[in-house]
Amino acid sequence: MSAAEDGASFSESGQGGFLEALRGGGDSIPDGLATRSGRRDRLRFAVYRNNVHVGLVGALEKRFPVTRRLVGDEFFRGMARVFVVDCKPETPVLIDYGEGFPDFVAAFPPAASLPYLADVARLESALSQSYHAADAIPLSLDDLARVPPEELADQVLHLHPATRLVSSGFPVGTIWSNHQPDPVRPVEIWRGETVVLTRPLAEVKLTVIPVEDEAFVCSVFAGKTLEAAAAAGAGGGFDFGRALVALVSLGCFREGNEQCVGS
């Protein structure tokens, strides 16, 4: 299949029409596209269109493996195909594809019987973001120790670019972790979880935050001063020093205000 027989290239508008037809879910064929005999073959063009859709579904399978395991291959691929029809990549970088997939899952009627599925997908999306985030020097415990005690309360800690926070009314961190080995382990305690993702030593680490630290962690991540965050977390067994050291040890924050490097 080719453009006109004289070998002329598509105009810019023609290229746009070609891409639109290639990405679409119907049976349209772009103007100016024909076989060598001049025949406009919709079936042949559908092969190309199907290859695009299969590739995008495959990208979603790789980005959301636990989401796929929770519903099975057939259900996931059917759900992904519906998503692909209306949601095409916005950039040529395929690893970024699927940012809107968790919200789609939340509104997908056949998935309504699994109310935690969308939050598992949100966690997997955040895992991908964390892995591909920019590099920066993490704040260390030694850096923290150099802050004068009288100035600690007013400190606002800056998140490392790879740090992500996912809060859910379901045990999404445990669900994800329990699907890493074979066989899958059952979830023994069914409760909401707040999960922090960090990337020490170039590997993404998932940490389920203790319940008593959740308010403090969410406040720190929201840009509150340490004094305000400590006040938000007060009570219920919360220990400011322990919680702060734990977050710094995970590599949640970056050193100073320097520019991040990478992409």
Protein backbone atom coordinates (compact mmCIF):
# COMPACT_ATOMS: atom_id res chain seq x y z
CA MET A 1 0.00 0.00 0.00
CA SER A 2 1.42 3.37 -0.96
CA ALA A 3 0.58 6.98 -1.69
CA ALA A 4 -0.07 8.09 -5.24
CA GLU A 5 1.84 6.09 -7.84
CA ASP A 6 4.07 9.04 -8.74
CA GLY A 7 5.66 8.62 -5.31
CA ALA A 8 4.62 12.04 -4.01
CA SER A 9 4.77 12.31 -0.24
CA PHE A 10 1.82 13.19 1.95
CA SER A 11 1.30 16.84 2.78
CA GLU A 12 1.33 17.81 6.44
CA SER A 13 -2.46 17.63 6.51
CA GLY A 14 -2.31 14.30 4.71
CA GLN A 15 0.09 12.94 7.30
CA GLY A 16 -2.26 14.11 10.03
CA GLY A 17 -5.13 12.32 8.36
CA PHE A 18 -3.05 9.17 8.03
CA LEU A 19 -2.17 9.19 11.75
CA GLU A 20 -5.78 9.92 12.70
CA ALA A 21 -7.04 7.01 10.62
CA LEU A 22 -4.29 4.75 11.96
CA ARG A 23 -5.19 5.53 15.56
CA GLY A 24 -8.95 5.46 15.07
CA GLY A 25 -11.29 2.65 15.94
CA GLY A 26 -13.41 2.68 12.78
CA ASP A 27 -12.79 1.39 9.27
CA SER A 28 -11.85 4.68 7.61
CA ILE A 29 -8.87 4.91 5.28
CA PRO A 30 -6.98 8.17 4.72
CA ASP A 31 -7.21 10.08 1.46
CA GLY A 32 -4.36 9.47 -0.95
CA LEU A 33 -3.58 5.99 0.30
CA ALA A 34 -4.02 3.08 -2.09
CA THR A 35 -2.44 -0.15 -3.29
CA ARG A 36 -0.14 -0.12 -6.33
CA SER A 37 -3.14 -0.94 -8.46
CA GLY A 38 -4.94 2.13 -7.14
CA ARG A 39 -7.40 0.14 -5.03
CA ARG A 40 -8.33 1.51 -1.60
CA ASP A 41 -8.10 -1.60 0.57
CA ARG A 42 -9.72 -1.07 3.97
CA LEU A 43 -8.91 -4.58 5.15
CA ARG A 44 -5.20 -4.16 4.52
CA PHE A 45 -5.14 -0.82 6.29
CA ALA A 46 -7.03 -2.40 9.21
CA VAL A 47 -4.01 -4.67 9.72
CA TYR A 48 -1.82 -1.63 10.35
CA ARG A 49 -4.43 -0.10 12.64
CA ASN A 50 -4.73 -3.34 14.58
CA ASN A 51 -0.95 -3.49 15.01
CA VAL A 52 -1.01 -0.04 16.59
CA HIS A 53 -3.76 -1.07 19.00
CA VAL A 54 -2.03 -4.33 19.88
CA GLY A 55 1.18 -2.42 20.62
CA LEU A 56 -0.63 0.02 22.92
CA VAL A 57 -2.43 -2.78 24.75
CA GLY A 58 0.95 -4.47 25.20
CA ALA A 59 2.36 -1.26 26.69
CA LEU A 60 -0.48 -1.20 29.21
CA GLU A 61 0.12 -4.84 30.10
CA LYS A 62 3.74 -4.06 30.90
CA ARG A 63 2.92 -0.95 32.94
CA PHE A 64 0.05 -2.53 34.92
CA PRO A 65 1.06 -6.18 35.52
CA VAL A 66 -0.66 -6.62 38.90
CA THR A 67 -3.83 -4.94 37.64
CA ARG A 68 -3.76 -7.47 34.80
CA ARG A 69 -3.22 -10.41 37.14
CA LEU A 70 -6.13 -9.34 39.34
CA VAL A 71 -8.63 -9.56 36.47
CA GLY A 72 -6.94 -12.05 34.15
CA ASP A 73 -5.47 -11.60 30.68
CA GLU A 74 -8.73 -11.74 28.72
CA PHE A 75 -10.57 -9.17 30.86
CA PHE A 76 -7.56 -6.84 31.00
CA ARG A 77 -7.01 -6.90 27.25
CA GLY A 78 -10.68 -6.23 26.59
CA MET A 79 -10.63 -3.30 29.03
CA ALA A 80 -7.36 -2.01 27.56
CA ARG A 81 -8.72 -2.16 23.99
CA VAL A 82 -11.65 0.05 25.00
CA PHE A 83 -9.20 2.52 26.58
CA VAL A 84 -6.91 2.52 23.54
CA VAL A 85 -9.72 3.45 21.14
CA ASP A 86 -10.29 6.81 22.83
CA CYS A 87 -6.94 7.46 24.51
CA LYS A 88 -3.89 7.59 22.28
CA PRO A 89 -0.30 8.47 23.28
CA GLU A 90 0.32 12.19 23.66
CA THR A 91 4.09 11.80 23.27
CA PRO A 92 6.32 9.44 21.25
CA VAL A 93 7.67 8.01 24.54
CA LEU A 94 5.64 4.84 25.01
CA ILE A 95 6.73 4.34 28.64
CA ASP A 96 4.58 7.37 29.50
CA TYR A 97 1.46 5.85 27.95
CA GLY A 98 -1.39 5.03 30.30
CA GLU A 99 -1.40 7.97 32.71
CA GLY A 100 -5.19 8.16 32.37
CA PHE A 101 -5.74 4.41 32.63
CA PRO A 102 -6.43 4.31 36.42
CA ASP A 103 -9.24 6.88 36.10
CA PHE A 104 -10.61 4.91 33.15
CA VAL A 105 -10.60 1.73 35.25
CA ALA A 106 -12.46 3.53 38.05
CA ALA A 107 -15.25 4.44 35.61
CA PHE A 108 -15.29 1.14 33.68
CA PRO A 109 -18.62 -0.55 34.58
CA PRO A 110 -17.47 -4.19 34.16
CA ALA A 111 -14.75 -3.55 36.78
CA ALA A 112 -17.17 -2.19 39.39
CA SER A 113 -17.09 -5.45 41.37
CA LEU A 114 -13.40 -4.80 42.15
CA PRO A 115 -13.47 -1.33 43.76
CA TYR A 116 -9.77 -1.49 44.65
CA LEU A 117 -8.64 -2.17 41.06
CA ALA A 118 -8.32 1.50 40.05
CA ASP A 119 -6.15 2.28 43.10
CA VAL A 120 -3.88 -0.66 42.31
CA ALA A 121 -3.54 0.80 38.81
CA ARG A 122 -2.76 4.22 40.34
CA LEU A 123 -0.02 2.62 42.40
CA GLU A 124 1.44 0.91 39.34
CA SER A 125 1.33 4.18 37.41
CA ALA A 126 3.19 5.87 40.27
CA LEU A 127 5.76 3.05 40.30
CA SER A 128 6.49 3.72 36.64
CA GLN A 129 6.75 7.47 37.25
CA SER A 130 9.14 6.89 40.15
CA TYR A 131 11.36 4.59 38.12
CA HIS A 132 11.71 7.05 35.24
CA ALA A 133 11.92 10.25 37.32
CA ALA A 134 14.88 12.63 37.32
CA ASP A 135 17.95 12.09 39.45
CA ALA A 136 18.88 14.22 42.46
CA ILE A 137 21.06 13.86 45.52
CA PRO A 138 18.90 12.60 48.41
CA LEU A 139 18.84 14.36 51.75
CA SER A 140 20.82 12.27 54.25
CA LEU A 141 20.56 11.91 58.01
CA ASP A 142 23.85 13.77 58.27
CA ASP A 143 22.33 16.66 56.31
CA LEU A 144 19.37 16.68 58.68
CA ALA A 145 21.64 16.59 61.72
CA ARG A 146 23.37 19.76 60.54
CA VAL A 147 20.16 21.77 60.82
CA PRO A 148 20.30 23.82 64.04
CA PRO A 149 17.69 22.48 66.50
CA GLU A 150 16.08 25.89 66.82
CA GLU A 151 15.50 25.98 63.04
CA LEU A 152 14.17 22.43 62.58
CA ALA A 153 10.51 23.31 63.22
CA ASP A 154 10.45 25.81 60.34
CA GLN A 155 12.04 23.47 57.77
CA VAL A 156 10.12 22.52 54.64
CA LEU A 157 11.61 19.38 53.11
CA HIS A 158 11.75 19.14 49.31
CA LEU A 159 10.66 15.85 47.77
CA HIS A 160 13.11 13.86 45.69
CA PRO A 161 11.79 13.76 42.08
CA ALA A 162 11.37 9.98 42.29
CA THR A 163 9.26 10.11 45.46
CA ARG A 164 5.57 9.34 45.12
CA LEU A 165 2.72 9.07 47.64
CA VAL A 166 -0.37 6.92 47.05
CA SER A 167 -3.18 6.88 49.61
CA SER A 168 -6.08 4.45 49.27
CA GLY A 169 -9.01 3.14 51.22
CA PHE A 170 -7.76 -0.32 50.24
CA PRO A 171 -4.53 -2.23 51.06
CA VAL A 172 -2.99 -1.44 47.68
CA GLY A 173 0.61 -1.71 48.84
CA THR A 174 0.02 -5.14 50.33
CA ILE A 175 -1.97 -6.28 47.29
CA TRP A 176 0.89 -5.25 45.00
CA SER A 177 3.60 -6.78 47.20
CA ASN A 178 1.68 -10.03 47.61
CA HIS A 179 1.50 -10.41 43.82
CA GLN A 180 5.26 -10.31 43.36
CA PRO A 181 5.99 -13.92 44.39
CA ASP A 182 4.35 -17.10 43.12
CA PRO A 183 1.99 -18.25 44.40
CA VAL A 184 0.21 -15.00 45.25
CA ARG A 185 -0.16 -14.47 48.98
CA PRO A 186 -3.58 -13.50 50.41
CA VAL A 187 -4.11 -10.14 52.11
CA GLU A 188 -4.52 -10.89 55.81
CA ILE A 189 -5.50 -7.41 57.05
CA TRP A 190 -7.93 -5.52 54.83
CA ARG A 191 -7.58 -1.80 55.54
CA GLY A 192 -6.63 1.38 53.77
CA GLU A 193 -2.95 2.09 53.21
CA THR A 194 -0.70 5.04 52.49
CA VAL A 195 2.25 4.00 50.35
CA VAL A 196 5.50 5.86 49.74
CA LEU A 197 7.61 5.08 46.67
CA THR A 198 11.30 5.97 46.63
CA ARG A 199 14.21 5.05 44.38
CA PRO A 200 17.34 4.34 46.41
CA LEU A 201 20.21 2.80 44.46
CA ALA A 202 18.26 3.07 41.16
CA GLU A 203 15.59 0.61 42.31
CA VAL A 204 12.05 1.61 43.26
CA LYS A 205 11.19 0.74 46.85
CA LEU A 206 7.60 0.47 48.10
CA THR A 207 6.94 1.22 51.77
CA VAL A 208 3.58 0.98 53.52
CA ILE A 209 3.48 3.80 56.07
CA PRO A 210 2.40 2.93 59.64
CA VAL A 211 -1.11 4.15 60.36
CA GLU A 212 0.08 6.45 63.14
CA ASP A 213 2.43 8.24 60.74
CA GLU A 214 0.01 8.81 57.86
CA ALA A 215 -1.16 12.32 58.78
CA PHE A 216 2.43 13.48 59.37
CA VAL A 217 3.67 12.00 56.09
CA CYS A 218 0.83 13.51 54.04
CA SER A 219 1.47 16.92 55.61
CA VAL A 220 5.22 16.83 54.96
CA PHE A 221 4.60 15.76 51.36
CA ALA A 222 2.09 18.59 50.97
CA GLY A 223 4.86 21.12 51.74
CA LYS A 224 4.00 21.88 55.36
CA THR A 225 6.70 22.86 57.83
CA LEU A 226 7.92 20.10 60.14
CA GLU A 227 6.21 21.83 63.04
CA ALA A 228 2.85 21.90 61.24
CA ALA A 229 3.25 18.30 60.05
CA ALA A 230 4.12 17.14 63.57
CA ALA A 231 1.01 18.85 64.89
CA ALA A 232 -1.10 17.09 62.24
CA GLY A 233 0.31 13.72 63.29
CA ALA A 234 0.14 14.23 67.05
CA GLY A 235 -1.47 11.44 69.08
CA GLY A 236 -2.19 7.81 68.41
CA GLY A 237 1.33 6.56 69.02
CA PHE A 238 2.98 9.01 66.61
CA ASP A 239 6.67 9.69 67.29
CA PHE A 240 8.03 12.71 65.41
CA GLY A 241 11.71 11.76 65.56
CA ARG A 242 11.16 8.15 64.52
CA ALA A 243 8.85 9.10 61.65
CA LEU A 244 11.17 11.82 60.31
CA VAL A 245 14.25 9.61 60.44
CA ALA A 246 12.32 6.85 58.65
CA LEU A 247 11.35 9.15 55.77
CA VAL A 248 14.85 10.55 55.37
CA SER A 249 16.33 7.04 55.48
CA LEU A 250 14.01 6.02 52.64
CA GLY A 251 15.42 8.80 50.45
CA CYS A 252 12.15 10.72 50.24
CA PHE A 253 13.75 14.16 50.05
CA ARG A 254 16.39 15.88 47.99
CA GLU A 255 19.37 17.79 49.23
CA GLY A 256 18.92 21.57 49.26
CA ASN A 257 17.17 23.38 46.41
CA GLU A 258 19.47 22.43 43.55
CA GLN A 259 18.09 21.73 40.11
CA CYS A 260 17.34 18.09 39.37
CA VAL A 261 19.12 16.36 36.50
CA GLY A 262 17.68 13.85 34.09
CA SER A 263 14.21 13.60 32.65
